[in-house]
Amino acid sequence: MTDREQRELRNGAGDTFSASFELIANPVIFGLLGWYLDKKLDLFPVFTLVLALIALAYGVWKLYTNYVSSMDELLEERRSRYRNDLANG
C-alpha cells in the first residue's frame, strides 16, 4: 500500500468516525436540551422528541449531501481521466 493510499484510508476512517459521532451526539445533546425545557415547562416529551428528531434529521441530511457531493467529485475526476486517456491515445 502506497503512502497516498494509506493517507486516504486514514482520512476516510476519520471522516466516518466524525459522521458517526455527529449522528449520535447531536440528537443526544438536543434531546437533553429538550428534556430540560420540558421539565421547566411541564410538557414532557414534546421538546425532547422535537429537538432530538430535528438534530437527527439534520445529521442524516448532512451525511447524505456530503456523500452525494463526494461521489459527484469522484465521477467528474474519472470522466476527466477517461477523456484524457481518449485524447492521448
PDB file of N, CA and C in Angstrom:
ATOM      1  N   MET A   1       0.845  -1.172   0.000  1.00  0.00           N
ATOM      2  CA  MET A   1       0.000   0.000   0.000  1.00  0.00           C
ATOM      3  C   MET A   1       0.895   1.242   0.000  1.00  0.00           C
ATOM      4  N   THR A   2       0.615   2.155  -0.907  1.00  0.00           N
ATOM      5  CA  THR A   2       1.429   3.357  -1.008  1.00  0.00           C
ATOM      6  C   THR A   2       1.058   4.341   0.100  1.00  0.00           C
ATOM      7  N   ASP A   3       1.918   5.338   0.263  1.00  0.00           N
ATOM      8  CA  ASP A   3       1.653   6.373   1.278  1.00  0.00           C
ATOM      9  C   ASP A   3       0.347   7.110   0.992  1.00  0.00           C
ATOM     10  N   ARG A   4       0.099   7.372  -0.283  1.00  0.00           N
ATOM     11  CA  ARG A   4      -1.126   8.083  -0.670  1.00  0.00           C
ATOM     12  C   ARG A   4      -2.355   7.258  -0.303  1.00  0.00           C
ATOM     13  N   GLU A   5      -2.321   5.959  -0.582  1.00  0.00           N
ATOM     14  CA  GLU A   5      -3.457   5.094  -0.254  1.00  0.00           C
ATOM     15  C   GLU A   5      -3.674   5.011   1.253  1.00  0.00           C
ATOM     16  N   GLN A   6      -2.579   4.942   2.012  1.00  0.00           N
ATOM     17  CA  GLN A   6      -2.700   4.903   3.472  1.00  0.00           C
ATOM     18  C   GLN A   6      -3.291   6.199   4.006  1.00  0.00           C
ATOM     19  N   ARG A   7      -2.877   7.321   3.436  1.00  0.00           N
ATOM     20  CA  ARG A   7      -3.383   8.622   3.852  1.00  0.00           C
ATOM     21  C   ARG A   7      -4.887   8.722   3.546  1.00  0.00           C
ATOM     22  N   GLU A   8      -5.296   8.263   2.369  1.00  0.00           N
ATOM     23  CA  GLU A   8      -6.711   8.296   2.014  1.00  0.00           C
ATOM     24  C   GLU A   8      -7.532   7.382   2.918  1.00  0.00           C
ATOM     25  N   LEU A   9      -6.972   6.231   3.263  1.00  0.00           N
ATOM     26  CA  LEU A   9      -7.663   5.300   4.151  1.00  0.00           C
ATOM     27  C   LEU A   9      -7.850   5.909   5.532  1.00  0.00           C
ATOM     28  N   ARG A  10      -6.801   6.525   6.053  1.00  0.00           N
ATOM     29  CA  ARG A  10      -6.904   7.168   7.374  1.00  0.00           C
ATOM     30  C   ARG A  10      -7.870   8.345   7.344  1.00  0.00           C
ATOM     31  N   ASN A  11      -7.841   9.114   6.268  1.00  0.00           N
ATOM     32  CA  ASN A  11      -8.749  10.253   6.141  1.00  0.00           C
ATOM     33  C   ASN A  11     -10.192   9.766   6.079  1.00  0.00           C
ATOM     34  N   GLY A  12     -10.434   8.698   5.345  1.00  0.00           N
ATOM     35  CA  GLY A  12     -11.780   8.139   5.263  1.00  0.00           C
ATOM     36  C   GLY A  12     -12.258   7.616   6.601  1.00  0.00           C
ATOM     37  N   ALA A  13     -11.362   6.985   7.351  1.00  0.00           N
ATOM     38  CA  ALA A  13     -11.730   6.482   8.673  1.00  0.00           C
ATOM     39  C   ALA A  13     -12.054   7.640   9.614  1.00  0.00           C
ATOM     40  N   GLY A  14     -11.291   8.711   9.533  1.00  0.00           N
ATOM     41  CA  GLY A  14     -11.562   9.889  10.366  1.00  0.00           C
ATOM     42  C   GLY A  14     -12.885  10.537  10.010  1.00  0.00           C
ATOM     43  N   ASP A  15     -13.183  10.623   8.715  1.00  0.00           N
ATOM     44  CA  ASP A  15     -14.465  11.196   8.284  1.00  0.00           C
ATOM     45  C   ASP A  15     -15.633  10.337   8.762  1.00  0.00           C
ATOM     46  N   THR A  16     -15.457   9.026   8.702  1.00  0.00           N
ATOM     47  CA  THR A  16     -16.506   8.113   9.147  1.00  0.00           C
ATOM     48  C   THR A  16     -16.738   8.240  10.643  1.00  0.00           C
ATOM     49  N   PHE A  17     -15.668   8.321  11.415  1.00  0.00           N
ATOM     50  CA  PHE A  17     -15.800   8.482  12.859  1.00  0.00           C
ATOM     51  C   PHE A  17     -16.496   9.791  13.183  1.00  0.00           C
ATOM     52  N   SER A  18     -16.118  10.846  12.501  1.00  0.00           N
ATOM     53  CA  SER A  18     -16.732  12.152  12.729  1.00  0.00           C
ATOM     54  C   SER A  18     -18.226  12.119  12.425  1.00  0.00           C
ATOM     55  N   ALA A  19     -18.594  11.515  11.303  1.00  0.00           N
ATOM     56  CA  ALA A  19     -20.007  11.453  10.919  1.00  0.00           C
ATOM     57  C   ALA A  19     -20.815  10.622  11.913  1.00  0.00           C
ATOM     58  N   SER A  20     -20.263   9.493  12.334  1.00  0.00           N
ATOM     59  CA  SER A  20     -20.998   8.653  13.284  1.00  0.00           C
ATOM     60  C   SER A  20     -21.138   9.348  14.637  1.00  0.00           C
ATOM     61  N   PHE A  21     -20.109  10.064  15.054  1.00  0.00           N
ATOM     62  CA  PHE A  21     -20.190  10.807  16.306  1.00  0.00           C
ATOM     63  C   PHE A  21     -21.264  11.880  16.226  1.00  0.00           C
ATOM     64  N   GLU A  22     -21.323  12.586  15.096  1.00  0.00           N
ATOM     65  CA  GLU A  22     -22.339  13.621  14.926  1.00  0.00           C
ATOM     66  C   GLU A  22     -23.742  13.035  14.922  1.00  0.00           C
ATOM     67  N   LEU A  23     -23.913  11.861  14.299  1.00  0.00           N
ATOM     68  CA  LEU A  23     -25.230  11.238  14.260  1.00  0.00           C
ATOM     69  C   LEU A  23     -25.700  10.792  15.643  1.00  0.00           C
ATOM     70  N   ILE A  24     -24.769  10.519  16.527  1.00  0.00           N
ATOM     71  CA  ILE A  24     -25.137  10.081  17.873  1.00  0.00           C
ATOM     72  C   ILE A  24     -25.176  11.262  18.848  1.00  0.00           C
ATOM     73  N   ALA A  25     -24.139  12.079  18.845  1.00  0.00           N
ATOM     74  CA  ALA A  25     -24.001  13.128  19.859  1.00  0.00           C
ATOM     75  C   ALA A  25     -25.022  14.254  19.697  1.00  0.00           C
ATOM     76  N   ASN A  26     -25.237  14.714  18.484  1.00  0.00           N
ATOM     77  CA  ASN A  26     -26.140  15.848  18.294  1.00  0.00           C
ATOM     78  C   ASN A  26     -27.568  15.564  18.751  1.00  0.00           C
ATOM     79  N   PRO A  27     -28.192  14.439  18.357  1.00  0.00           N
ATOM     80  CA  PRO A  27     -29.536  14.172  18.875  1.00  0.00           C
ATOM     81  C   PRO A  27     -29.570  14.004  20.397  1.00  0.00           C
ATOM     82  N   VAL A  28     -28.515  13.430  20.964  1.00  0.00           N
ATOM     83  CA  VAL A  28     -28.474  13.282  22.418  1.00  0.00           C
ATOM     84  C   VAL A  28     -28.404  14.649  23.090  1.00  0.00           C
ATOM     85  N   ILE A  29     -27.538  15.496  22.607  1.00  0.00           N
ATOM     86  CA  ILE A  29     -27.400  16.837  23.192  1.00  0.00           C
ATOM     87  C   ILE A  29     -28.698  17.626  23.055  1.00  0.00           C
ATOM     88  N   PHE A  30     -29.289  17.615  21.855  1.00  0.00           N
ATOM     89  CA  PHE A  30     -30.535  18.350  21.658  1.00  0.00           C
ATOM     90  C   PHE A  30     -31.682  17.704  22.425  1.00  0.00           C
ATOM     91  N   GLY A  31     -31.667  16.377  22.548  1.00  0.00           N
ATOM     92  CA  GLY A  31     -32.674  15.700  23.360  1.00  0.00           C
ATOM     93  C   GLY A  31     -32.578  16.098  24.817  1.00  0.00           C
ATOM     94  N   LEU A  32     -31.356  16.203  25.330  1.00  0.00           N
ATOM     95  CA  LEU A  32     -31.178  16.639  26.718  1.00  0.00           C
ATOM     96  C   LEU A  32     -31.636  18.083  26.910  1.00  0.00           C
ATOM     97  N   LEU A  33     -31.342  18.922  25.926  1.00  0.00           N
ATOM     98  CA  LEU A  33     -31.828  20.301  25.984  1.00  0.00           C
ATOM     99  C   LEU A  33     -33.361  20.328  25.979  1.00  0.00           C
ATOM    100  N   GLY A  34     -33.960  19.504  25.128  1.00  0.00           N
ATOM    101  CA  GLY A  34     -35.417  19.408  25.090  1.00  0.00           C
ATOM    102  C   GLY A  34     -35.981  18.867  26.386  1.00  0.00           C
ATOM    103  N   TRP A  35     -35.302  17.890  26.980  1.00  0.00           N
ATOM    104  CA  TRP A  35     -35.731  17.336  28.266  1.00  0.00           C
ATOM    105  C   TRP A  35     -35.732  18.423  29.341  1.00  0.00           C
ATOM    106  N   TYR A  36     -34.678  19.242  29.341  1.00  0.00           N
ATOM    107  CA  TYR A  36     -34.592  20.348  30.296  1.00  0.00           C
ATOM    108  C   TYR A  36     -35.754  21.321  30.099  1.00  0.00           C
ATOM    109  N   LEU A  37     -36.022  21.684  28.845  1.00  0.00           N
ATOM    110  CA  LEU A  37     -37.131  22.602  28.559  1.00  0.00           C
ATOM    111  C   LEU A  37     -38.464  21.978  28.953  1.00  0.00           C
ATOM    112  N   ASP A  38     -38.630  20.689  28.673  1.00  0.00           N
ATOM    113  CA  ASP A  38     -39.867  20.004  29.046  1.00  0.00           C
ATOM    114  C   ASP A  38     -40.070  19.995  30.556  1.00  0.00           C
ATOM    115  N   LYS A  39     -38.996  19.786  31.300  1.00  0.00           N
ATOM    116  CA  LYS A  39     -39.096  19.793  32.764  1.00  0.00           C
ATOM    117  C   LYS A  39     -39.512  21.177  33.268  1.00  0.00           C
ATOM    118  N   LYS A  40     -38.893  22.214  32.698  1.00  0.00           N
ATOM    119  CA  LYS A  40     -39.195  23.582  33.141  1.00  0.00           C
ATOM    120  C   LYS A  40     -40.618  24.001  32.772  1.00  0.00           C
ATOM    121  N   LEU A  41     -41.090  23.574  31.596  1.00  0.00           N
ATOM    122  CA  LEU A  41     -42.408  23.987  31.110  1.00  0.00           C
ATOM    123  C   LEU A  41     -43.483  22.932  31.370  1.00  0.00           C
ATOM    124  N   ASP A  42     -43.104  21.814  31.966  1.00  0.00           N
ATOM    125  CA  ASP A  42     -44.012  20.711  32.285  1.00  0.00           C
ATOM    126  C   ASP A  42     -44.754  20.218  31.035  1.00  0.00           C
ATOM    127  N   LEU A  43     -43.993  19.962  29.968  1.00  0.00           N
ATOM    128  CA  LEU A  43     -44.557  19.493  28.697  1.00  0.00           C
ATOM    129  C   LEU A  43     -43.938  18.184  28.217  1.00  0.00           C
ATOM    130  N   PHE A  44     -43.433  17.379  29.111  1.00  0.00           N
ATOM    131  CA  PHE A  44     -42.707  16.169  28.699  1.00  0.00           C
ATOM    132  C   PHE A  44     -43.513  15.363  27.719  1.00  0.00           C
ATOM    133  N   PRO A  45     -43.067  14.874  26.694  1.00  0.00           N
ATOM    134  CA  PRO A  45     -41.849  14.753  25.916  1.00  0.00           C
ATOM    135  C   PRO A  45     -41.823  15.604  24.657  1.00  0.00           C
ATOM    136  N   VAL A  46     -42.554  16.690  24.621  1.00  0.00           N
ATOM    137  CA  VAL A  46     -42.697  17.480  23.394  1.00  0.00           C
ATOM    138  C   VAL A  46     -41.349  17.981  22.884  1.00  0.00           C
ATOM    139  N   PHE A  47     -40.662  18.810  23.643  1.00  0.00           N
ATOM    140  CA  PHE A  47     -39.390  19.375  23.189  1.00  0.00           C
ATOM    141  C   PHE A  47     -38.307  18.304  23.054  1.00  0.00           C
ATOM    142  N   THR A  48     -38.341  17.305  23.916  1.00  0.00           N
ATOM    143  CA  THR A  48     -37.350  16.232  23.838  1.00  0.00           C
ATOM    144  C   THR A  48     -37.408  15.557  22.479  1.00  0.00           C
ATOM    145  N   LEU A  49     -38.583  15.150  22.083  1.00  0.00           N
ATOM    146  CA  LEU A  49     -38.737  14.462  20.798  1.00  0.00           C
ATOM    147  C   LEU A  49     -38.488  15.386  19.620  1.00  0.00           C
ATOM    148  N   VAL A  50     -39.038  16.575  19.670  1.00  0.00           N
ATOM    149  CA  VAL A  50     -38.905  17.500  18.536  1.00  0.00           C
ATOM    150  C   VAL A  50     -37.443  17.868  18.306  1.00  0.00           C
ATOM    151  N   LEU A  51     -36.749  18.271  19.342  1.00  0.00           N
ATOM    152  CA  LEU A  51     -35.351  18.688  19.166  1.00  0.00           C
ATOM    153  C   LEU A  51     -34.452  17.515  18.776  1.00  0.00           C
ATOM    154  N   ALA A  52     -34.675  16.350  19.372  1.00  0.00           N
ATOM    155  CA  ALA A  52     -33.863  15.182  19.016  1.00  0.00           C
ATOM    156  C   ALA A  52     -34.104  14.770  17.565  1.00  0.00           C
ATOM    157  N   LEU A  53     -35.353  14.790  17.121  1.00  0.00           N
ATOM    158  CA  LEU A  53     -35.660  14.419  15.738  1.00  0.00           C
ATOM    159  C   LEU A  53     -35.132  15.441  14.737  1.00  0.00           C
ATOM    160  N   ILE A  54     -35.200  16.712  15.096  1.00  0.00           N
ATOM    161  CA  ILE A  54     -34.638  17.733  14.205  1.00  0.00           C
ATOM    162  C   ILE A  54     -33.129  17.544  14.070  1.00  0.00           C
ATOM    163  N   ALA A  55     -32.451  17.294  15.173  1.00  0.00           N
ATOM    164  CA  ALA A  55     -30.999  17.078  15.137  1.00  0.00           C
ATOM    165  C   ALA A  55     -30.658  15.821  14.337  1.00  0.00           C
ATOM    166  N   LEU A  56     -31.436  14.764  14.502  1.00  0.00           N
ATOM    167  CA  LEU A  56     -31.192  13.530  13.754  1.00  0.00           C
ATOM    168  C   LEU A  56     -31.436  13.743  12.264  1.00  0.00           C
ATOM    169  N   ALA A  57     -32.521  14.424  11.923  1.00  0.00           N
ATOM    170  CA  ALA A  57     -32.826  14.697  10.518  1.00  0.00           C
ATOM    171  C   ALA A  57     -31.731  15.546   9.878  1.00  0.00           C
ATOM    172  N   TYR A  58     -31.253  16.542  10.594  1.00  0.00           N
ATOM    173  CA  TYR A  58     -30.167  17.375  10.069  1.00  0.00           C
ATOM    174  C   TYR A  58     -28.901  16.543   9.861  1.00  0.00           C
ATOM    175  N   GLY A  59     -28.582  15.668  10.800  1.00  0.00           N
ATOM    176  CA  GLY A  59     -27.389  14.825  10.667  1.00  0.00           C
ATOM    177  C   GLY A  59     -27.474  13.905   9.468  1.00  0.00           C
ATOM    178  N   VAL A  60     -28.641  13.300   9.254  1.00  0.00           N
ATOM    179  CA  VAL A  60     -28.827  12.417   8.095  1.00  0.00           C
ATOM    180  C   VAL A  60     -28.739  13.225   6.802  1.00  0.00           C
ATOM    181  N   TRP A  61     -29.376  14.396   6.779  1.00  0.00           N
ATOM    182  CA  TRP A  61     -29.315  15.248   5.583  1.00  0.00           C
ATOM    183  C   TRP A  61     -27.882  15.661   5.279  1.00  0.00           C
ATOM    184  N   LYS A  62     -27.144  16.046   6.303  1.00  0.00           N
ATOM    185  CA  LYS A  62     -25.750  16.473   6.118  1.00  0.00           C
ATOM    186  C   LYS A  62     -24.894  15.313   5.610  1.00  0.00           C
ATOM    187  N   LEU A  63     -25.079  14.139   6.169  1.00  0.00           N
ATOM    188  CA  LEU A  63     -24.345  12.955   5.732  1.00  0.00           C
ATOM    189  C   LEU A  63     -24.665  12.634   4.275  1.00  0.00           C
ATOM    190  N   TYR A  64     -25.925  12.709   3.917  1.00  0.00           N
ATOM    191  CA  TYR A  64     -26.346  12.426   2.544  1.00  0.00           C
ATOM    192  C   TYR A  64     -25.767  13.437   1.558  1.00  0.00           C
ATOM    193  N   THR A  65     -25.857  14.727   1.876  1.00  0.00           N
ATOM    194  CA  THR A  65     -25.346  15.732   0.946  1.00  0.00           C
ATOM    195  C   THR A  65     -23.826  15.638   0.798  1.00  0.00           C
ATOM    196  N   ASN A  66     -23.114  15.333   1.889  1.00  0.00           N
ATOM    197  CA  ASN A  66     -21.663  15.146   1.779  1.00  0.00           C
ATOM    198  C   ASN A  66     -21.329  13.940   0.916  1.00  0.00           C
ATOM    199  N   TYR A  67     -22.097  12.870   1.056  1.00  0.00           N
ATOM    200  CA  TYR A  67     -21.877  11.670   0.254  1.00  0.00           C
ATOM    201  C   TYR A  67     -22.118  11.956  -1.225  1.00  0.00           C
ATOM    202  N   VAL A  68     -23.225  12.607  -1.536  1.00  0.00           N
ATOM    203  CA  VAL A  68     -23.544  12.918  -2.928  1.00  0.00           C
ATOM    204  C   VAL A  68     -22.474  13.824  -3.526  1.00  0.00           C
ATOM    205  N   SER A  69     -22.037  14.803  -2.761  1.00  0.00           N
ATOM    206  CA  SER A  69     -21.003  15.718  -3.241  1.00  0.00           C
ATOM    207  C   SER A  69     -19.692  14.990  -3.525  1.00  0.00           C
ATOM    208  N   SER A  70     -19.289  14.113  -2.632  1.00  0.00           N
ATOM    209  CA  SER A  70     -18.028  13.388  -2.848  1.00  0.00           C
ATOM    210  C   SER A  70     -18.144  12.422  -4.018  1.00  0.00           C
ATOM    211  N   MET A  71     -19.305  11.807  -4.204  1.00  0.00           N
ATOM    212  CA  MET A  71     -19.491  10.910  -5.345  1.00  0.00           C
ATOM    213  C   MET A  71     -19.482  11.690  -6.660  1.00  0.00           C
ATOM    214  N   ASP A  72     -20.062  12.883  -6.665  1.00  0.00           N
ATOM    215  CA  ASP A  72     -20.036  13.720  -7.867  1.00  0.00           C
ATOM    216  C   ASP A  72     -18.606  14.128  -8.215  1.00  0.00           C
ATOM    217  N   GLU A  73     -17.816  14.467  -7.197  1.00  0.00           N
ATOM    218  CA  GLU A  73     -16.415  14.829  -7.438  1.00  0.00           C
ATOM    219  C   GLU A  73     -15.632  13.648  -8.011  1.00  0.00           C
ATOM    220  N   LEU A  74     -15.831  12.468  -7.450  1.00  0.00           N
ATOM    221  CA  LEU A  74     -15.138  11.281  -7.953  1.00  0.00           C
ATOM    222  C   LEU A  74     -15.569  10.956  -9.373  1.00  0.00           C
ATOM    223  N   LEU A  75     -16.845  11.096  -9.669  1.00  0.00           N
ATOM    224  CA  LEU A  75     -17.338  10.834 -11.015  1.00  0.00           C
ATOM    225  C   LEU A  75     -16.720  11.798 -12.013  1.00  0.00           C
ATOM    226  N   GLU A  76     -16.671  13.067 -11.659  1.00  0.00           N
ATOM    227  CA  GLU A  76     -16.078  14.059 -12.560  1.00  0.00           C
ATOM    228  C   GLU A  76     -14.589  13.791 -12.759  1.00  0.00           C
ATOM    229  N   GLU A  77     -13.901  13.380 -11.702  1.00  0.00           N
ATOM    230  CA  GLU A  77     -12.479  13.042 -11.815  1.00  0.00           C
ATOM    231  C   GLU A  77     -12.276  11.863 -12.762  1.00  0.00           C
ATOM    232  N   ARG A  78     -13.107  10.862 -12.652  1.00  0.00           N
ATOM    233  CA  ARG A  78     -12.993   9.698 -13.539  1.00  0.00           C
ATOM    234  C   ARG A  78     -13.320  10.070 -14.978  1.00  0.00           C
ATOM    235  N   ARG A  79     -14.332  10.912 -15.164  1.00  0.00           N
ATOM    236  CA  ARG A  79     -14.671  11.333 -16.523  1.00  0.00           C
ATOM    237  C   ARG A  79     -13.536  12.111 -17.161  1.00  0.00           C
ATOM    238  N   SER A  80     -12.910  13.002 -16.399  1.00  0.00           N
ATOM    239  CA  SER A  80     -11.809  13.781 -16.973  1.00  0.00           C
ATOM    240  C   SER A  80     -10.615  12.878 -17.283  1.00  0.00           C
ATOM    241  N   ARG A  81     -10.347  11.893 -16.422  1.00  0.00           N
ATOM    242  CA  ARG A  81      -9.271  10.943 -16.717  1.00  0.00           C
ATOM    243  C   ARG A  81      -9.577  10.133 -17.968  1.00  0.00           C
ATOM    244  N   TYR A  82     -10.819   9.731 -18.118  1.00  0.00           N
ATOM    245  CA  TYR A  82     -11.230   8.967 -19.293  1.00  0.00           C
ATOM    246  C   TYR A  82     -11.080   9.801 -20.556  1.00  0.00           C
ATOM    247  N   ARG A  83     -11.487  11.086 -20.489  1.00  0.00           N
ATOM    248  CA  ARG A  83     -11.357  11.974 -21.662  1.00  0.00           C
ATOM    249  C   ARG A  83      -9.891  12.178 -22.014  1.00  0.00           C
ATOM    250  N   ASN A  84      -9.037  12.324 -20.992  1.00  0.00           N
ATOM    251  CA  ASN A  84      -7.613  12.500 -21.251  1.00  0.00           C
ATOM    252  C   ASN A  84      -7.013  11.251 -21.871  1.00  0.00           C
ATOM    253  N   ASP A  85      -7.435  10.079 -21.408  1.00  0.00           N
ATOM    254  CA  ASP A  85      -6.936   8.839 -21.981  1.00  0.00           C
ATOM    255  C   ASP A  85      -7.366   8.688 -23.441  1.00  0.00           C
ATOM    256  N   LEU A  86      -8.579   9.100 -23.753  1.00  0.00           N
ATOM    257  CA  LEU A  86      -9.035   9.035 -25.135  1.00  0.00           C
ATOM    258  C   LEU A  86      -8.292  10.026 -26.015  1.00  0.00           C
ATOM    259  N   ALA A  87      -8.012  11.210 -25.485  1.00  0.00           N
ATOM    260  CA  ALA A  87      -7.327  12.242 -26.260  1.00  0.00           C
ATOM    261  C   ALA A  87      -5.843  11.865 -26.483  1.00  0.00           C
ATOM    262  N   ASN A  88      -5.243  11.188 -25.528  1.00  0.00           N
ATOM    263  CA  ASN A  88      -3.829  10.850 -25.640  1.00  0.00           C
ATOM    264  C   ASN A  88      -3.581   9.519 -26.336  1.00  0.00           C
ATOM    265  N   GLY A  89      -4.598   8.826 -26.659  1.00  0.00           N
ATOM    266  CA  GLY A  89      -4.330   7.656 -27.449  1.00  0.00           C
ATOM    267  C   GLY A  89      -4.914   6.428 -26.991  1.00  0.00           C
TER     268      GLY A  89
END
